[in-house]
Amino acid sequence: MSFQIKFMGKIKFEDERLSRALYLSLIPDNLEIPEGISIDMDYFGDTLSFNISSKANLDTTLSTLNDIITSIQNGVNVLSKVIRENDRYKTS
C-alpha cells in the first residue's frame, strides 16, 4: 500500500526582510533532500510559504519537516538580531 503525504505551511513575520532572507538562506538546504520528497518554497511580502510532498516513509518525512522548522527557527534567531542591529545603526 502506498500513500502520499502533503504538508503546506505559511509563516507570517513582522518584517518583510526576514521572510526574504529566510527564503534565500533555505534554498541551498532544499537541494539535497531525501528521495521521494519534494519541497516548494516561496515568499510573498512578509510571509514564507512551503509545500512538502512525500512518498517517502513517515519517519523520513517528519525528519525533513523538523529540519526545515529548525532551520527557520535558527534563521529567525540570527536574522532578527542582524535586522535590529542594522536598524539601530541606521538611526544612530
C-alpha atoms as a PDB file:
ATOM      1  CA  MET A   1       0.000   0.000   0.000  1.00  0.00           C
ATOM      2  CA  SER A   2       1.455   3.362  -0.987  1.00  0.00           C
ATOM      3  CA  PHE A   3       0.478   6.787   0.215  1.00  0.00           C
ATOM      4  CA  GLN A   4       1.464  10.400  -0.261  1.00  0.00           C
ATOM      5  CA  ILE A   5       1.897  12.961   2.497  1.00  0.00           C
ATOM      6  CA  LYS A   6       1.364  16.657   1.808  1.00  0.00           C
ATOM      7  CA  PHE A   7       2.145  19.466   4.177  1.00  0.00           C
ATOM      8  CA  MET A   8       1.520  23.141   3.480  1.00  0.00           C
ATOM      9  CA  GLY A   9       2.890  25.760   5.834  1.00  0.00           C
ATOM     10  CA  LYS A  10       2.865  29.546   5.993  1.00  0.00           C
ATOM     11  CA  ILE A  11       4.727  31.688   8.465  1.00  0.00           C
ATOM     12  CA  LYS A  12       3.994  35.402   8.695  1.00  0.00           C
ATOM     13  CA  PHE A  13       6.781  37.622  10.018  1.00  0.00           C
ATOM     14  CA  GLU A  14       6.735  41.159  11.380  1.00  0.00           C
ATOM     15  CA  ASP A  15       9.356  42.234   8.853  1.00  0.00           C
ATOM     16  CA  GLU A  16       9.336  41.521   5.123  1.00  0.00           C
ATOM     17  CA  ARG A  17      13.149  41.473   5.124  1.00  0.00           C
ATOM     18  CA  LEU A  18      13.049  38.448   7.411  1.00  0.00           C
ATOM     19  CA  SER A  19      10.845  36.339   5.121  1.00  0.00           C
ATOM     20  CA  ARG A  20      13.033  37.161   2.110  1.00  0.00           C
ATOM     21  CA  ALA A  21      16.294  36.465   3.960  1.00  0.00           C
ATOM     22  CA  LEU A  22      14.988  33.154   5.313  1.00  0.00           C
ATOM     23  CA  TYR A  23      13.786  32.119   1.878  1.00  0.00           C
ATOM     24  CA  LEU A  24      17.201  32.844   0.369  1.00  0.00           C
ATOM     25  CA  SER A  25      19.010  31.070   3.207  1.00  0.00           C
ATOM     26  CA  LEU A  26      16.870  27.921   2.947  1.00  0.00           C
ATOM     27  CA  ILE A  27      17.118  27.410  -0.823  1.00  0.00           C
ATOM     28  CA  PRO A  28      20.522  25.626  -0.629  1.00  0.00           C
ATOM     29  CA  ASP A  29      19.130  23.234   2.025  1.00  0.00           C
ATOM     30  CA  ASN A  30      16.467  22.083  -0.425  1.00  0.00           C
ATOM     31  CA  LEU A  31      18.999  20.863  -2.985  1.00  0.00           C
ATOM     32  CA  GLU A  32      19.841  17.677  -1.083  1.00  0.00           C
ATOM     33  CA  ILE A  33      16.592  16.188   0.166  1.00  0.00           C
ATOM     34  CA  PRO A  34      15.693  12.534   0.637  1.00  0.00           C
ATOM     35  CA  GLU A  35      14.406  10.568  -2.337  1.00  0.00           C
ATOM     36  CA  GLY A  36      10.634  10.676  -2.665  1.00  0.00           C
ATOM     37  CA  ILE A  37      10.292  14.135  -1.111  1.00  0.00           C
ATOM     38  CA  SER A  38       9.774  17.409  -2.952  1.00  0.00           C
ATOM     39  CA  ILE A  39       9.795  20.860  -1.401  1.00  0.00           C
ATOM     40  CA  ASP A  40       8.414  24.018  -2.972  1.00  0.00           C
ATOM     41  CA  MET A  41       9.164  27.224  -1.118  1.00  0.00           C
ATOM     42  CA  ASP A  42       8.426  30.889  -1.809  1.00  0.00           C
ATOM     43  CA  TYR A  43       7.877  34.173  -0.051  1.00  0.00           C
ATOM     44  CA  PHE A  44       5.294  36.874  -0.608  1.00  0.00           C
ATOM     45  CA  GLY A  45       5.943  40.077   1.291  1.00  0.00           C
ATOM     46  CA  ASP A  46       6.149  39.179   4.965  1.00  0.00           C
ATOM     47  CA  THR A  47       5.033  35.545   4.503  1.00  0.00           C
ATOM     48  CA  LEU A  48       7.215  32.494   3.901  1.00  0.00           C
ATOM     49  CA  SER A  49       5.318  29.529   2.454  1.00  0.00           C
ATOM     50  CA  PHE A  50       6.404  25.969   1.841  1.00  0.00           C
ATOM     51  CA  ASN A  51       4.788  22.838   0.468  1.00  0.00           C
ATOM     52  CA  ILE A  52       6.194  19.393   1.128  1.00  0.00           C
ATOM     53  CA  SER A  53       5.037  16.403  -0.864  1.00  0.00           C
ATOM     54  CA  SER A  54       6.347  12.993   0.100  1.00  0.00           C
ATOM     55  CA  LYS A  55       6.100   9.396  -0.969  1.00  0.00           C
ATOM     56  CA  ALA A  56       8.867   8.519   1.489  1.00  0.00           C
ATOM     57  CA  ASN A  57       8.150   6.783   4.769  1.00  0.00           C
ATOM     58  CA  LEU A  58       6.612   8.799   7.588  1.00  0.00           C
ATOM     59  CA  ASP A  59       9.791   8.963   9.691  1.00  0.00           C
ATOM     60  CA  THR A  60      11.792  10.417   6.789  1.00  0.00           C
ATOM     61  CA  THR A  61       9.062  12.941   6.036  1.00  0.00           C
ATOM     62  CA  LEU A  62       8.766  14.069   9.657  1.00  0.00           C
ATOM     63  CA  SER A  63      12.544  14.330   9.944  1.00  0.00           C
ATOM     64  CA  THR A  64      12.669  16.540   6.843  1.00  0.00           C
ATOM     65  CA  LEU A  65       9.861  18.740   8.168  1.00  0.00           C
ATOM     66  CA  ASN A  66      11.665  19.015  11.504  1.00  0.00           C
ATOM     67  CA  ASP A  67      14.874  20.038   9.700  1.00  0.00           C
ATOM     68  CA  ILE A  68      13.016  22.806   7.856  1.00  0.00           C
ATOM     69  CA  ILE A  69      11.334  24.129  11.002  1.00  0.00           C
ATOM     70  CA  THR A  70      14.610  24.019  12.950  1.00  0.00           C
ATOM     71  CA  SER A  71      16.389  25.881  10.141  1.00  0.00           C
ATOM     72  CA  ILE A  72      13.657  28.520  10.107  1.00  0.00           C
ATOM     73  CA  GLN A  73      13.860  28.954  13.889  1.00  0.00           C
ATOM     74  CA  ASN A  74      17.660  29.242  13.821  1.00  0.00           C
ATOM     75  CA  GLY A  75      17.448  31.712  10.950  1.00  0.00           C
ATOM     76  CA  VAL A  76      14.850  33.819  12.768  1.00  0.00           C
ATOM     77  CA  ASN A  77      17.054  33.966  15.869  1.00  0.00           C
ATOM     78  CA  VAL A  78      20.110  35.153  13.941  1.00  0.00           C
ATOM     79  CA  LEU A  79      18.481  37.340  11.295  1.00  0.00           C
ATOM     80  CA  SER A  80      16.229  39.156  13.774  1.00  0.00           C
ATOM     81  CA  LYS A  81      19.326  40.292  15.665  1.00  0.00           C
ATOM     82  CA  VAL A  82      21.035  41.364  12.442  1.00  0.00           C
ATOM     83  CA  ILE A  83      17.991  43.355  11.321  1.00  0.00           C
ATOM     84  CA  ARG A  84      17.659  45.042  14.742  1.00  0.00           C
ATOM     85  CA  GLU A  85      21.341  45.978  14.764  1.00  0.00           C
ATOM     86  CA  ASN A  86      21.132  47.250  11.201  1.00  0.00           C
ATOM     87  CA  ASP A  87      18.099  49.379  12.043  1.00  0.00           C
ATOM     88  CA  ARG A  88      19.782  50.680  15.195  1.00  0.00           C
ATOM     89  CA  TYR A  89      22.902  51.602  13.223  1.00  0.00           C
ATOM     90  CA  LYS A  90      20.819  53.462  10.616  1.00  0.00           C
ATOM     91  CA  THR A  91      19.077  55.565  13.263  1.00  0.00           C
ATOM     92  CA  SER A  92      22.301  56.448  15.119  1.00  0.00           C
END
